[in-house]
Amino acid sequence: MNLASLRTLRAELGVPVGLSDHTEGTLAASVAAGVGMAIFEKHITLDRSLIGPDHRASADPTEFAATCALLRRAEAMLGNGQKGLAESERDTQRATRRVLVYARTMGAGVVTSESDFNARRTGGEGLGVELADSVVGRSLRHAVAAEATVRLADFDA
């Protein structure tokens, strides 16, 4: 099939490229979608045993519908090419995001050091570990408990 040629044709001609699929099954269509196919053509038959060159390689209506559904799913999975947080990843991000918690109980007025903080996956809100430098060396506005989530409001301005 040399489906990689679809990339070459698209790059050299600067136009959308397609696949005229004469294979059995849906594999060629799904691979072609992954290499940039924009147009898909497939013959449909009601009976693969009919006389003629195209019936054997044609899809029956059920297989054709499955291929179309597969191509729509592949299109959605390929996305827009921009890297970023997908909506479907937001719950995972919240669950796995590391936030700062206090390593020990401390009273108001204590000036914090790096050893006063730990990183934990709390599954909730809190100050991300990437902001640790913004709280090290600052004075606590009120007492805090060990393992409590660090918040900017805990510190004097």
C-alpha atoms as a PDB file:
ATOM      1  CA  MET A   1       0.000   0.000   0.000  1.00  0.00           C
ATOM      2  CA  ASN A   2       2.885   2.399   0.717  1.00  0.00           C
ATOM      3  CA  LEU A   3       0.623   4.614   2.773  1.00  0.00           C
ATOM      4  CA  ALA A   4       3.600   6.779   3.756  1.00  0.00           C
ATOM      5  CA  SER A   5       3.442   8.130   0.195  1.00  0.00           C
ATOM      6  CA  LEU A   6       0.386  10.121   1.281  1.00  0.00           C
ATOM      7  CA  ARG A   7       2.714  12.318   3.354  1.00  0.00           C
ATOM      8  CA  THR A   8       5.044  12.750   0.386  1.00  0.00           C
ATOM      9  CA  LEU A   9       2.230  13.651  -2.008  1.00  0.00           C
ATOM     10  CA  ARG A  10       0.730  16.152   0.432  1.00  0.00           C
ATOM     11  CA  ALA A  11       4.122  17.816   1.019  1.00  0.00           C
ATOM     12  CA  GLU A  12       5.148  17.906  -2.656  1.00  0.00           C
ATOM     13  CA  LEU A  13       1.805  18.954  -4.100  1.00  0.00           C
ATOM     14  CA  GLY A  14       0.540  21.107  -1.257  1.00  0.00           C
ATOM     15  CA  VAL A  15      -2.996  19.762  -1.558  1.00  0.00           C
ATOM     16  CA  PRO A  16      -5.173  17.416   0.510  1.00  0.00           C
ATOM     17  CA  VAL A  17      -4.575  13.775  -0.386  1.00  0.00           C
ATOM     18  CA  GLY A  18      -6.797  10.747  -0.217  1.00  0.00           C
ATOM     19  CA  LEU A  19      -6.965   6.991  -0.356  1.00  0.00           C
ATOM     20  CA  SER A  20      -8.916   4.840  -2.772  1.00  0.00           C
ATOM     21  CA  ASP A  21      -9.079   1.765  -0.567  1.00  0.00           C
ATOM     22  CA  HIS A  22      -9.231  -1.619  -2.267  1.00  0.00           C
ATOM     23  CA  THR A  23      -8.252  -3.653   0.788  1.00  0.00           C
ATOM     24  CA  GLU A  24     -10.350  -5.799   3.070  1.00  0.00           C
ATOM     25  CA  GLY A  25     -11.091  -4.534   6.560  1.00  0.00           C
ATOM     26  CA  THR A  26     -10.422  -1.172   8.190  1.00  0.00           C
ATOM     27  CA  LEU A  27      -6.685  -1.245   8.852  1.00  0.00           C
ATOM     28  CA  ALA A  28      -5.611   0.643   5.716  1.00  0.00           C
ATOM     29  CA  ALA A  29      -8.147   3.396   6.406  1.00  0.00           C
ATOM     30  CA  SER A  30      -7.006   3.864   9.999  1.00  0.00           C
ATOM     31  CA  VAL A  31      -3.315   3.939   9.042  1.00  0.00           C
ATOM     32  CA  ALA A  32      -4.025   6.380   6.210  1.00  0.00           C
ATOM     33  CA  ALA A  33      -5.844   8.660   8.635  1.00  0.00           C
ATOM     34  CA  GLY A  34      -2.721   8.678  10.792  1.00  0.00           C
ATOM     35  CA  VAL A  35      -0.479   9.772   7.920  1.00  0.00           C
ATOM     36  CA  GLY A  36      -2.685  12.621   6.827  1.00  0.00           C
ATOM     37  CA  MET A  37      -5.387  11.276   4.517  1.00  0.00           C
ATOM     38  CA  ALA A  38      -8.046  13.922   3.948  1.00  0.00           C
ATOM     39  CA  ILE A  39     -10.280  12.054   1.491  1.00  0.00           C
ATOM     40  CA  PHE A  40     -11.409   8.437   1.694  1.00  0.00           C
ATOM     41  CA  GLU A  41     -12.997   6.383  -1.086  1.00  0.00           C
ATOM     42  CA  LYS A  42     -14.228   2.812  -0.763  1.00  0.00           C
ATOM     43  CA  HIS A  43     -16.569   0.799  -2.961  1.00  0.00           C
ATOM     44  CA  ILE A  44     -19.707  -0.619  -1.366  1.00  0.00           C
ATOM     45  CA  THR A  45     -21.358  -3.865  -2.368  1.00  0.00           C
ATOM     46  CA  LEU A  46     -24.299  -5.845  -1.135  1.00  0.00           C
ATOM     47  CA  ASP A  47     -22.611  -9.137  -2.114  1.00  0.00           C
ATOM     48  CA  ARG A  48     -18.857  -9.755  -2.382  1.00  0.00           C
ATOM     49  CA  SER A  49     -19.460 -12.870  -4.496  1.00  0.00           C
ATOM     50  CA  LEU A  50     -20.970 -10.903  -7.379  1.00  0.00           C
ATOM     51  CA  ILE A  51     -19.126 -10.846 -10.713  1.00  0.00           C
ATOM     52  CA  GLY A  52     -16.876  -7.878 -11.337  1.00  0.00           C
ATOM     53  CA  PRO A  53     -13.475  -6.623 -10.248  1.00  0.00           C
ATOM     54  CA  ASP A  54     -14.584  -4.426  -7.364  1.00  0.00           C
ATOM     55  CA  HIS A  55     -16.981  -6.573  -5.340  1.00  0.00           C
ATOM     56  CA  ARG A  56     -14.300  -8.648  -3.564  1.00  0.00           C
ATOM     57  CA  ALA A  57     -12.475  -5.557  -2.285  1.00  0.00           C
ATOM     58  CA  SER A  58     -15.648  -3.637  -1.510  1.00  0.00           C
ATOM     59  CA  ALA A  59     -17.190  -3.139   1.887  1.00  0.00           C
ATOM     60  CA  ASP A  60     -20.660  -4.276   2.756  1.00  0.00           C
ATOM     61  CA  PRO A  61     -22.873  -1.558   4.299  1.00  0.00           C
ATOM     62  CA  THR A  62     -22.083  -2.671   7.867  1.00  0.00           C
ATOM     63  CA  GLU A  63     -18.311  -2.666   7.284  1.00  0.00           C
ATOM     64  CA  PHE A  64     -18.523   0.674   5.477  1.00  0.00           C
ATOM     65  CA  ALA A  65     -20.410   2.231   8.399  1.00  0.00           C
ATOM     66  CA  ALA A  66     -17.812   0.810  10.804  1.00  0.00           C
ATOM     67  CA  THR A  67     -15.001   2.249   8.664  1.00  0.00           C
ATOM     68  CA  CYS A  68     -16.639   5.686   8.620  1.00  0.00           C
ATOM     69  CA  ALA A  69     -17.072   5.583  12.407  1.00  0.00           C
ATOM     70  CA  LEU A  70     -13.434   4.514  12.798  1.00  0.00           C
ATOM     71  CA  LEU A  71     -12.256   7.390  10.605  1.00  0.00           C
ATOM     72  CA  ARG A  72     -14.275   9.918  12.639  1.00  0.00           C
ATOM     73  CA  ARG A  73     -12.757   8.551  15.858  1.00  0.00           C
ATOM     74  CA  ALA A  74      -9.256   8.672  14.319  1.00  0.00           C
ATOM     75  CA  GLU A  75      -9.886  12.267  13.210  1.00  0.00           C
ATOM     76  CA  ALA A  76     -10.898  13.217  16.752  1.00  0.00           C
ATOM     77  CA  MET A  77      -7.929  11.391  18.269  1.00  0.00           C
ATOM     78  CA  LEU A  78      -5.464  13.137  15.934  1.00  0.00           C
ATOM     79  CA  GLY A  79      -6.678  16.493  17.240  1.00  0.00           C
ATOM     80  CA  ASN A  80      -5.480  19.841  15.968  1.00  0.00           C
ATOM     81  CA  GLY A  81      -1.731  19.355  16.413  1.00  0.00           C
ATOM     82  CA  GLN A  82      -1.463  21.893  19.227  1.00  0.00           C
ATOM     83  CA  LYS A  83      -0.085  20.482  22.482  1.00  0.00           C
ATOM     84  CA  GLY A  84      -2.037  21.432  25.524  1.00  0.00           C
ATOM     85  CA  LEU A  85      -4.243  20.031  28.217  1.00  0.00           C
ATOM     86  CA  ALA A  86      -7.236  18.260  26.716  1.00  0.00           C
ATOM     87  CA  GLU A  87     -10.575  18.514  28.487  1.00  0.00           C
ATOM     88  CA  SER A  88     -10.481  14.740  28.998  1.00  0.00           C
ATOM     89  CA  GLU A  89      -7.207  15.113  30.941  1.00  0.00           C
ATOM     90  CA  ARG A  90      -8.428  17.662  33.496  1.00  0.00           C
ATOM     91  CA  ASP A  91      -9.568  15.119  36.118  1.00  0.00           C
ATOM     92  CA  THR A  92      -6.264  13.238  35.815  1.00  0.00           C
ATOM     93  CA  GLN A  93      -4.347  16.486  36.155  1.00  0.00           C
ATOM     94  CA  ARG A  94      -6.176  17.369  39.353  1.00  0.00           C
ATOM     95  CA  ALA A  95      -5.545  13.899  40.776  1.00  0.00           C
ATOM     96  CA  THR A  96      -1.838  13.780  39.903  1.00  0.00           C
ATOM     97  CA  ARG A  97      -0.837  17.420  40.354  1.00  0.00           C
ATOM     98  CA  ARG A  98       1.664  17.919  43.153  1.00  0.00           C
ATOM     99  CA  VAL A  99       1.002  20.762  45.545  1.00  0.00           C
ATOM    100  CA  LEU A 100       2.905  22.086  48.532  1.00  0.00           C
ATOM    101  CA  VAL A 101       1.945  21.018  52.044  1.00  0.00           C
ATOM    102  CA  TYR A 102       3.541  21.989  55.322  1.00  0.00           C
ATOM    103  CA  ALA A 103       6.154  19.528  56.592  1.00  0.00           C
ATOM    104  CA  ARG A 104       5.503  20.474  60.210  1.00  0.00           C
ATOM    105  CA  THR A 105       3.168  22.494  62.421  1.00  0.00           C
ATOM    106  CA  MET A 106       4.360  26.098  62.707  1.00  0.00           C
ATOM    107  CA  GLY A 107       3.172  29.220  64.477  1.00  0.00           C
ATOM    108  CA  ALA A 108       2.446  32.700  63.237  1.00  0.00           C
ATOM    109  CA  GLY A 109       5.571  34.725  62.425  1.00  0.00           C
ATOM    110  CA  VAL A 110       7.786  31.752  61.523  1.00  0.00           C
ATOM    111  CA  VAL A 111       9.994  32.476  58.514  1.00  0.00           C
ATOM    112  CA  THR A 112       9.845  29.421  56.288  1.00  0.00           C
ATOM    113  CA  SER A 113      12.709  27.506  54.744  1.00  0.00           C
ATOM    114  CA  GLU A 114      12.762  24.918  51.976  1.00  0.00           C
ATOM    115  CA  SER A 115      12.604  22.074  54.519  1.00  0.00           C
ATOM    116  CA  ASP A 116       9.239  23.363  55.795  1.00  0.00           C
ATOM    117  CA  PHE A 117       7.439  22.115  52.672  1.00  0.00           C
ATOM    118  CA  ASN A 118       6.663  18.762  51.080  1.00  0.00           C
ATOM    119  CA  ALA A 119       5.082  17.915  47.742  1.00  0.00           C
ATOM    120  CA  ARG A 120       1.928  15.803  47.790  1.00  0.00           C
ATOM    121  CA  ARG A 121      -0.755  14.651  45.400  1.00  0.00           C
ATOM    122  CA  THR A 122      -3.767  15.861  47.323  1.00  0.00           C
ATOM    123  CA  GLY A 123      -6.284  15.623  44.509  1.00  0.00           C
ATOM    124  CA  GLY A 124      -7.381  19.134  45.297  1.00  0.00           C
ATOM    125  CA  GLU A 125      -6.430  22.742  44.990  1.00  0.00           C
ATOM    126  CA  GLY A 126      -3.307  24.258  46.372  1.00  0.00           C
ATOM    127  CA  LEU A 127      -0.074  25.993  45.534  1.00  0.00           C
ATOM    128  CA  GLY A 128       1.776  24.027  42.865  1.00  0.00           C
ATOM    129  CA  VAL A 129       5.317  22.864  43.585  1.00  0.00           C
ATOM    130  CA  GLU A 130       6.559  25.060  40.755  1.00  0.00           C
ATOM    131  CA  LEU A 131       5.782  28.075  42.999  1.00  0.00           C
ATOM    132  CA  ALA A 132       7.827  26.910  46.008  1.00  0.00           C
ATOM    133  CA  ASP A 133      10.325  29.742  45.572  1.00  0.00           C
ATOM    134  CA  SER A 134       7.543  32.269  46.112  1.00  0.00           C
ATOM    135  CA  VAL A 135       6.930  31.085  49.708  1.00  0.00           C
ATOM    136  CA  VAL A 136      10.399  30.053  50.944  1.00  0.00           C
ATOM    137  CA  GLY A 137      11.765  32.758  53.246  1.00  0.00           C
ATOM    138  CA  ARG A 138       8.386  34.364  53.892  1.00  0.00           C
ATOM    139  CA  SER A 139       6.751  34.899  57.287  1.00  0.00           C
ATOM    140  CA  LEU A 140       3.590  33.009  58.225  1.00  0.00           C
ATOM    141  CA  ARG A 141       0.554  35.197  58.883  1.00  0.00           C
ATOM    142  CA  HIS A 142      -1.057  32.559  61.163  1.00  0.00           C
ATOM    143  CA  ALA A 143      -0.357  29.114  62.573  1.00  0.00           C
ATOM    144  CA  VAL A 144      -0.417  26.176  60.137  1.00  0.00           C
ATOM    145  CA  ALA A 145      -0.710  22.423  60.697  1.00  0.00           C
ATOM    146  CA  ALA A 146       1.559  19.726  59.317  1.00  0.00           C
ATOM    147  CA  GLU A 147       0.248  18.336  56.004  1.00  0.00           C
ATOM    148  CA  ALA A 148      -2.087  21.319  55.494  1.00  0.00           C
ATOM    149  CA  THR A 149      -2.148  22.645  51.944  1.00  0.00           C
ATOM    150  CA  VAL A 150       0.007  25.743  51.426  1.00  0.00           C
ATOM    151  CA  ARG A 151      -1.848  28.870  50.289  1.00  0.00           C
ATOM    152  CA  LEU A 152      -0.471  32.289  49.434  1.00  0.00           C
ATOM    153  CA  ALA A 153      -2.907  33.766  51.958  1.00  0.00           C
ATOM    154  CA  ASP A 154      -0.909  31.991  54.731  1.00  0.00           C
ATOM    155  CA  PHE A 155       1.929  34.498  54.335  1.00  0.00           C
ATOM    156  CA  ASP A 156       2.516  38.135  55.143  1.00  0.00           C
ATOM    157  CA  ALA A 157       2.838  40.395  52.152  1.00  0.00           C
END
